[in-house]
């Protein structure tokens, strides 16, 4: 025997039926907070800001690599 039951209700009605809490206010607050944080961090995604960040890492990385190579050459046994 096969029994199919179809219930037509909204998600809010289903939550209320099962006794689950209404979290729409909390969800709205979290979404608004995420939007504020994203808007505040959008400046970091501008091309000129990205280039500043990448260039600073590049210069530091080049200096560190040069020091590593100098240490390798001076510390290498002489043949």
PDB file of N, CA and C in Angstrom:
ATOM      1  N   UNK A   1       0.844  -1.159   0.000  1.00  0.00           N
ATOM      2  CA  UNK A   1       0.000   0.000   0.000  1.00  0.00           C
ATOM      3  C   UNK A   1       0.900   1.236   0.000  1.00  0.00           C
ATOM      4  N   UNK A   2       0.549   2.192  -0.814  1.00  0.00           N
ATOM      5  CA  UNK A   2       1.314   3.423  -0.936  1.00  0.00           C
ATOM      6  C   UNK A   2       0.402   4.590  -0.619  1.00  0.00           C
ATOM      7  N   UNK A   3       0.872   5.488   0.235  1.00  0.00           N
ATOM      8  CA  UNK A   3       0.070   6.619   0.661  1.00  0.00           C
ATOM      9  C   UNK A   3       0.870   7.890   0.428  1.00  0.00           C
ATOM     10  N   UNK A   4       0.322   8.819  -0.309  1.00  0.00           N
ATOM     11  CA  UNK A   4       0.968  10.102  -0.573  1.00  0.00           C
ATOM     12  C   UNK A   4       0.159  11.205   0.086  1.00  0.00           C
ATOM     13  N   UNK A   5       0.859  12.050   0.836  1.00  0.00           N
ATOM     14  CA  UNK A   5       0.211  13.199   1.457  1.00  0.00           C
ATOM     15  C   UNK A   5       0.939  14.439   0.956  1.00  0.00           C
ATOM     16  N   UNK A   6       0.181  15.356   0.409  1.00  0.00           N
ATOM     17  CA  UNK A   6       0.767  16.589  -0.109  1.00  0.00           C
ATOM     18  C   UNK A   6       0.285  17.742   0.756  1.00  0.00           C
ATOM     19  N   UNK A   7       1.230  18.492   1.296  1.00  0.00           N
ATOM     20  CA  UNK A   7       0.896  19.622   2.158  1.00  0.00           C
ATOM     21  C   UNK A   7       1.360  20.890   1.457  1.00  0.00           C
ATOM     22  N   UNK A   8       0.452  21.822   1.320  1.00  0.00           N
ATOM     23  CA  UNK A   8       0.758  23.084   0.668  1.00  0.00           C
ATOM     24  C   UNK A   8       0.807  24.170   1.735  1.00  0.00           C
ATOM     25  N   UNK A   9       2.053  24.580   2.089  1.00  0.00           N
ATOM     26  CA  UNK A   9       2.204  25.631   3.089  1.00  0.00           C
ATOM     27  C   UNK A   9       3.507  26.380   2.847  1.00  0.00           C
ATOM     28  N   UNK A  10       3.602  27.523   3.445  1.00  0.00           N
ATOM     29  CA  UNK A  10       4.823  28.318   3.314  1.00  0.00           C
ATOM     30  C   UNK A  10       5.867  27.801   4.304  1.00  0.00           C
ATOM     31  N   UNK A  11       7.127  28.150   4.115  1.00  0.00           N
ATOM     32  CA  UNK A  11       8.154  27.747   5.081  1.00  0.00           C
ATOM     33  C   UNK A  11       7.853  28.253   6.494  1.00  0.00           C
ATOM     34  N   UNK A  12       7.318  29.466   6.609  1.00  0.00           N
ATOM     35  CA  UNK A  12       6.972  30.001   7.930  1.00  0.00           C
ATOM     36  C   UNK A  12       5.876  29.167   8.585  1.00  0.00           C
ATOM     37  N   UNK A  13       4.893  28.749   7.807  1.00  0.00           N
ATOM     38  CA  UNK A  13       3.826  27.914   8.344  1.00  0.00           C
ATOM     39  C   UNK A  13       4.351  26.547   8.767  1.00  0.00           C
ATOM     40  N   UNK A  14       5.265  26.001   8.004  1.00  0.00           N
ATOM     41  CA  UNK A  14       5.848  24.697   8.351  1.00  0.00           C
ATOM     42  C   UNK A  14       6.657  24.801   9.645  1.00  0.00           C
ATOM     43  N   UNK A  15       7.454  25.881   9.785  1.00  0.00           N
ATOM     44  CA  UNK A  15       8.218  26.068  11.022  1.00  0.00           C
ATOM     45  C   UNK A  15       7.288  26.188  12.225  1.00  0.00           C
ATOM     46  N   UNK A  16       6.223  26.958  12.073  1.00  0.00           N
ATOM     47  CA  UNK A  16       5.267  27.133  13.171  1.00  0.00           C
ATOM     48  C   UNK A  16       4.597  25.801  13.515  1.00  0.00           C
ATOM     49  N   UNK A  17       4.272  25.007  12.517  1.00  0.00           N
ATOM     50  CA  UNK A  17       3.622  23.716  12.749  1.00  0.00           C
ATOM     51  C   UNK A  17       4.522  22.780  13.544  1.00  0.00           C
ATOM     52  N   UNK A  18       5.823  22.767  13.208  1.00  0.00           N
ATOM     53  CA  UNK A  18       6.764  21.884  13.901  1.00  0.00           C
ATOM     54  C   UNK A  18       7.305  22.496  15.193  1.00  0.00           C
ATOM     55  N   UNK A  19       6.892  23.718  15.505  1.00  0.00           N
ATOM     56  CA  UNK A  19       7.310  24.343  16.751  1.00  0.00           C
ATOM     57  C   UNK A  19       8.708  24.936  16.704  1.00  0.00           C
ATOM     58  N   UNK A  20       9.210  25.178  15.526  1.00  0.00           N
ATOM     59  CA  UNK A  20      10.539  25.771  15.400  1.00  0.00           C
ATOM     60  C   UNK A  20      10.453  27.284  15.578  1.00  0.00           C
ATOM     61  N   UNK A  21      11.507  27.901  16.087  1.00  0.00           N
ATOM     62  CA  UNK A  21      11.453  29.348  16.325  1.00  0.00           C
ATOM     63  C   UNK A  21      11.483  30.145  15.034  1.00  0.00           C
ATOM     64  N   UNK A  22      10.919  31.345  15.099  1.00  0.00           N
ATOM     65  CA  UNK A  22      10.943  32.250  13.957  1.00  0.00           C
ATOM     66  C   UNK A  22      12.256  33.040  14.020  1.00  0.00           C
ATOM     67  N   UNK A  23      13.140  32.807  13.072  1.00  0.00           N
ATOM     68  CA  UNK A  23      14.460  33.432  13.085  1.00  0.00           C
ATOM     69  C   UNK A  23      14.601  34.499  11.998  1.00  0.00           C
ATOM     70  N   UNK A  24      13.506  34.995  11.497  1.00  0.00           N
ATOM     71  CA  UNK A  24      13.594  35.983  10.416  1.00  0.00           C
ATOM     72  C   UNK A  24      14.250  37.278  10.885  1.00  0.00           C
ATOM     73  N   UNK A  25      13.981  37.710  12.118  1.00  0.00           N
ATOM     74  CA  UNK A  25      14.593  38.936  12.634  1.00  0.00           C
ATOM     75  C   UNK A  25      16.106  38.756  12.758  1.00  0.00           C
ATOM     76  N   UNK A  26      16.525  37.620  13.283  1.00  0.00           N
ATOM     77  CA  UNK A  26      17.955  37.325  13.410  1.00  0.00           C
ATOM     78  C   UNK A  26      18.612  37.235  12.039  1.00  0.00           C
ATOM     79  N   UNK A  27      17.946  36.597  11.107  1.00  0.00           N
ATOM     80  CA  UNK A  27      18.480  36.478   9.755  1.00  0.00           C
ATOM     81  C   UNK A  27      18.610  37.844   9.092  1.00  0.00           C
ATOM     82  N   UNK A  28      17.606  38.685   9.253  1.00  0.00           N
ATOM     83  CA  UNK A  28      17.675  40.032   8.682  1.00  0.00           C
ATOM     84  C   UNK A  28      18.828  40.826   9.277  1.00  0.00           C
ATOM     85  N   UNK A  29      19.044  40.684  10.586  1.00  0.00           N
ATOM     86  CA  UNK A  29      20.146  41.384  11.250  1.00  0.00           C
ATOM     87  C   UNK A  29      21.493  40.898  10.716  1.00  0.00           C
ATOM     88  N   UNK A  30      21.649  39.584  10.589  1.00  0.00           N
ATOM     89  CA  UNK A  30      22.909  39.029  10.093  1.00  0.00           C
ATOM     90  C   UNK A  30      23.187  39.458   8.652  1.00  0.00           C
ATOM     91  N   UNK A  31      22.169  39.471   7.825  1.00  0.00           N
ATOM     92  CA  UNK A  31      22.346  39.888   6.430  1.00  0.00           C
ATOM     93  C   UNK A  31      22.740  41.361   6.367  1.00  0.00           C
ATOM     94  N   UNK A  32      22.099  42.200   7.181  1.00  0.00           N
ATOM     95  CA  UNK A  32      22.445  43.629   7.207  1.00  0.00           C
ATOM     96  C   UNK A  32      23.876  43.833   7.678  1.00  0.00           C
ATOM     97  N   UNK A  33      24.308  43.078   8.688  1.00  0.00           N
ATOM     98  CA  UNK A  33      25.678  43.192   9.196  1.00  0.00           C
ATOM     99  C   UNK A  33      26.691  42.757   8.139  1.00  0.00           C
ATOM    100  N   UNK A  34      26.391  41.684   7.427  1.00  0.00           N
ATOM    101  CA  UNK A  34      27.283  41.223   6.364  1.00  0.00           C
ATOM    102  C   UNK A  34      27.381  42.258   5.251  1.00  0.00           C
ATOM    103  N   UNK A  35      26.268  42.902   4.923  1.00  0.00           N
ATOM    104  CA  UNK A  35      26.289  43.936   3.895  1.00  0.00           C
ATOM    105  C   UNK A  35      27.142  45.117   4.333  1.00  0.00           C
ATOM    106  N   UNK A  36      27.034  45.518   5.617  1.00  0.00           N
ATOM    107  CA  UNK A  36      27.848  46.625   6.117  1.00  0.00           C
ATOM    108  C   UNK A  36      29.329  46.282   6.035  1.00  0.00           C
ATOM    109  N   UNK A  37      29.698  45.063   6.431  1.00  0.00           N
ATOM    110  CA  UNK A  37      31.105  44.655   6.404  1.00  0.00           C
ATOM    111  C   UNK A  37      31.630  44.579   4.975  1.00  0.00           C
ATOM    112  N   UNK A  38      30.811  44.081   4.068  1.00  0.00           N
ATOM    113  CA  UNK A  38      31.241  44.004   2.673  1.00  0.00           C
ATOM    114  C   UNK A  38      31.429  45.399   2.095  1.00  0.00           C
ATOM    115  N   UNK A  39      30.501  46.311   2.394  1.00  0.00           N
ATOM    116  CA  UNK A  39      30.638  47.684   1.910  1.00  0.00           C
ATOM    117  C   UNK A  39      31.889  48.337   2.472  1.00  0.00           C
ATOM    118  N   UNK A  40      32.190  48.071   3.745  1.00  0.00           N
ATOM    119  CA  UNK A  40      33.370  48.665   4.369  1.00  0.00           C
ATOM    120  C   UNK A  40      34.661  48.120   3.760  1.00  0.00           C
ATOM    121  N   UNK A  41      34.646  46.891   3.290  1.00  0.00           N
ATOM    122  CA  UNK A  41      35.860  46.276   2.746  1.00  0.00           C
ATOM    123  C   UNK A  41      35.969  46.388   1.229  1.00  0.00           C
ATOM    124  N   UNK A  42      35.006  47.034   0.603  1.00  0.00           N
ATOM    125  CA  UNK A  42      35.054  47.158  -0.858  1.00  0.00           C
ATOM    126  C   UNK A  42      36.240  47.994  -1.316  1.00  0.00           C
ATOM    127  N   UNK A  43      36.686  48.947  -0.489  1.00  0.00           N
ATOM    128  CA  UNK A  43      37.827  49.779  -0.870  1.00  0.00           C
ATOM    129  C   UNK A  43      39.074  48.929  -1.074  1.00  0.00           C
ATOM    130  N   UNK A  44      39.193  47.850  -0.320  1.00  0.00           N
ATOM    131  CA  UNK A  44      40.368  46.980  -0.457  1.00  0.00           C
ATOM    132  C   UNK A  44      40.375  46.239  -1.789  1.00  0.00           C
ATOM    133  N   UNK A  45      39.249  46.192  -2.461  1.00  0.00           N
ATOM    134  CA  UNK A  45      39.177  45.470  -3.725  1.00  0.00           C
ATOM    135  C   UNK A  45      39.410  46.376  -4.936  1.00  0.00           C
ATOM    136  N   UNK A  46      39.661  47.661  -4.693  1.00  0.00           N
ATOM    137  CA  UNK A  46      39.933  48.571  -5.800  1.00  0.00           C
ATOM    138  C   UNK A  46      41.288  48.218  -6.410  1.00  0.00           C
ATOM    139  N   UNK A  47      41.440  48.359  -7.722  1.00  0.00           N
ATOM    140  CA  UNK A  47      42.694  47.959  -8.374  1.00  0.00           C
ATOM    141  C   UNK A  47      43.930  48.639  -7.793  1.00  0.00           C
ATOM    142  N   UNK A  48      43.854  49.938  -7.480  1.00  0.00           N
ATOM    143  CA  UNK A  48      45.043  50.606  -6.960  1.00  0.00           C
ATOM    144  C   UNK A  48      45.420  50.086  -5.575  1.00  0.00           C
ATOM    145  N   UNK A  49      44.432  49.739  -4.741  1.00  0.00           N
ATOM    146  CA  UNK A  49      44.723  49.179  -3.424  1.00  0.00           C
ATOM    147  C   UNK A  49      45.314  47.775  -3.552  1.00  0.00           C
ATOM    148  N   UNK A  50      44.793  46.984  -4.488  1.00  0.00           N
ATOM    149  CA  UNK A  50      45.350  45.650  -4.707  1.00  0.00           C
ATOM    150  C   UNK A  50      46.801  45.731  -5.160  1.00  0.00           C
ATOM    151  N   UNK A  51      47.095  46.664  -6.044  1.00  0.00           N
ATOM    152  CA  UNK A  51      48.469  46.804  -6.530  1.00  0.00           C
ATOM    153  C   UNK A  51      49.415  47.216  -5.399  1.00  0.00           C
ATOM    154  N   UNK A  52      48.958  48.100  -4.511  1.00  0.00           N
ATOM    155  CA  UNK A  52      49.788  48.496  -3.367  1.00  0.00           C
ATOM    156  C   UNK A  52      50.098  47.276  -2.501  1.00  0.00           C
ATOM    157  N   UNK A  53      49.092  46.481  -2.242  1.00  0.00           N
ATOM    158  CA  UNK A  53      49.288  45.297  -1.410  1.00  0.00           C
ATOM    159  C   UNK A  53      50.235  44.304  -2.083  1.00  0.00           C
ATOM    160  N   UNK A  54      50.001  44.029  -3.351  1.00  0.00           N
ATOM    161  CA  UNK A  54      50.834  43.063  -4.056  1.00  0.00           C
ATOM    162  C   UNK A  54      52.264  43.556  -4.183  1.00  0.00           C
ATOM    163  N   UNK A  55      52.447  44.848  -4.422  1.00  0.00           N
ATOM    164  CA  UNK A  55      53.800  45.375  -4.581  1.00  0.00           C
ATOM    165  C   UNK A  55      54.555  45.299  -3.269  1.00  0.00           C
ATOM    166  N   UNK A  56      53.885  45.592  -2.172  1.00  0.00           N
ATOM    167  CA  UNK A  56      54.583  45.530  -0.890  1.00  0.00           C
ATOM    168  C   UNK A  56      55.006  44.098  -0.588  1.00  0.00           C
ATOM    169  N   UNK A  57      54.151  43.140  -0.898  1.00  0.00           N
ATOM    170  CA  UNK A  57      54.541  41.749  -0.696  1.00  0.00           C
ATOM    171  C   UNK A  57      55.687  41.380  -1.636  1.00  0.00           C
ATOM    172  N   UNK A  58      55.643  41.899  -2.854  1.00  0.00           N
ATOM    173  CA  UNK A  58      56.684  41.586  -3.830  1.00  0.00           C
ATOM    174  C   UNK A  58      58.043  42.089  -3.396  1.00  0.00           C
ATOM    175  N   UNK A  59      58.122  43.312  -2.880  1.00  0.00           N
ATOM    176  CA  UNK A  59      59.398  43.871  -2.447  1.00  0.00           C
ATOM    177  C   UNK A  59      59.938  43.103  -1.251  1.00  0.00           C
ATOM    178  N   UNK A  60      59.093  42.773  -0.312  1.00  0.00           N
ATOM    179  CA  UNK A  60      59.525  42.012   0.852  1.00  0.00           C
ATOM    180  C   UNK A  60      59.992  40.619   0.443  1.00  0.00           C
ATOM    181  N   UNK A  61      59.260  40.019  -0.461  1.00  0.00           N
ATOM    182  CA  UNK A  61      59.631  38.680  -0.914  1.00  0.00           C
ATOM    183  C   UNK A  61      60.958  38.705  -1.656  1.00  0.00           C
ATOM    184  N   UNK A  62      61.192  39.755  -2.460  1.00  0.00           N
ATOM    185  CA  UNK A  62      62.455  39.859  -3.184  1.00  0.00           C
ATOM    186  C   UNK A  62      63.625  40.020  -2.219  1.00  0.00           C
ATOM    187  N   UNK A  63      63.466  40.864  -1.204  1.00  0.00           N
ATOM    188  CA  UNK A  63      64.529  41.053  -0.218  1.00  0.00           C
ATOM    189  C   UNK A  63      64.816  39.766   0.541  1.00  0.00           C
ATOM    190  N   UNK A  64      63.769  39.072   0.927  1.00  0.00           N
ATOM    191  CA  UNK A  64      63.946  37.823   1.665  1.00  0.00           C
ATOM    192  C   UNK A  64      64.638  36.778   0.786  1.00  0.00           C
ATOM    193  N   UNK A  65      64.253  36.699  -0.477  1.00  0.00           N
ATOM    194  CA  UNK A  65      64.880  35.744  -1.384  1.00  0.00           C
ATOM    195  C   UNK A  65      66.357  36.087  -1.592  1.00  0.00           C
ATOM    196  N   UNK A  66      66.665  37.402  -1.729  1.00  0.00           N
ATOM    197  CA  UNK A  66      68.057  37.825  -1.898  1.00  0.00           C
ATOM    198  C   UNK A  66      68.881  37.447  -0.669  1.00  0.00           C
ATOM    199  N   UNK A  67      68.350  37.678   0.529  1.00  0.00           N
ATOM    200  CA  UNK A  67      69.060  37.317   1.756  1.00  0.00           C
ATOM    201  C   UNK A  67      69.256  35.807   1.842  1.00  0.00           C
ATOM    202  N   UNK A  68      68.265  35.044   1.421  1.00  0.00           N
ATOM    203  CA  UNK A  68      68.376  33.586   1.428  1.00  0.00           C
ATOM    204  C   UNK A  68      69.485  33.128   0.495  1.00  0.00           C
ATOM    205  N   UNK A  69      69.541  33.731  -0.692  1.00  0.00           N
ATOM    206  CA  UNK A  69      70.585  33.359  -1.649  1.00  0.00           C
ATOM    207  C   UNK A  69      71.970  33.768  -1.142  1.00  0.00           C
ATOM    208  N   UNK A  70      72.080  34.960  -0.528  1.00  0.00           N
ATOM    209  CA  UNK A  70      73.369  35.384   0.030  1.00  0.00           C
ATOM    210  C   UNK A  70      73.832  34.446   1.123  1.00  0.00           C
ATOM    211  N   UNK A  71      72.887  34.031   1.969  1.00  0.00           N
ATOM    212  CA  UNK A  71      73.240  33.093   3.044  1.00  0.00           C
ATOM    213  C   UNK A  71      73.655  31.757   2.478  1.00  0.00           C
ATOM    214  N   UNK A  72      73.004  31.335   1.421  1.00  0.00           N
ATOM    215  CA  UNK A  72      73.358  30.055   0.804  1.00  0.00           C
ATOM    216  C   UNK A  72      74.741  30.120   0.186  1.00  0.00           C
ATOM    217  N   UNK A  73      75.091  31.256  -0.439  1.00  0.00           N
ATOM    218  CA  UNK A  73      76.395  31.384  -1.082  1.00  0.00           C
ATOM    219  C   UNK A  73      77.508  31.490  -0.046  1.00  0.00           C
ATOM    220  N   UNK A  74      77.294  32.282   0.980  1.00  0.00           N
ATOM    221  CA  UNK A  74      78.345  32.457   1.995  1.00  0.00           C
ATOM    222  C   UNK A  74      78.485  31.223   2.881  1.00  0.00           C
ATOM    223  N   UNK A  75      77.438  30.479   3.063  1.00  0.00           N
ATOM    224  CA  UNK A  75      77.491  29.302   3.904  1.00  0.00           C
ATOM    225  C   UNK A  75      77.888  28.043   3.147  1.00  0.00           C
ATOM    226  N   UNK A  76      78.006  28.143   1.832  1.00  0.00           N
ATOM    227  CA  UNK A  76      78.333  26.946   1.027  1.00  0.00           C
ATOM    228  C   UNK A  76      79.813  26.607   1.211  1.00  0.00           C
ATOM    229  N   UNK A  77      80.113  25.321   1.290  1.00  0.00           N
ATOM    230  CA  UNK A  77      81.532  24.930   1.412  1.00  0.00           C
ATOM    231  C   UNK A  77      82.287  25.295   0.139  1.00  0.00           C
ATOM    232  N   UNK A  78      83.503  25.792   0.322  1.00  0.00           N
ATOM    233  CA  UNK A  78      84.313  26.207  -0.838  1.00  0.00           C
ATOM    234  C   UNK A  78      85.049  24.979  -1.385  1.00  0.00           C
ATOM    235  N   UNK A  79      84.987  24.871  -2.692  1.00  0.00           N
ATOM    236  CA  UNK A  79      85.604  23.696  -3.322  1.00  0.00           C
ATOM    237  C   UNK A  79      87.047  23.928  -3.629  1.00  0.00           C
TER     238      UNK A  79
END
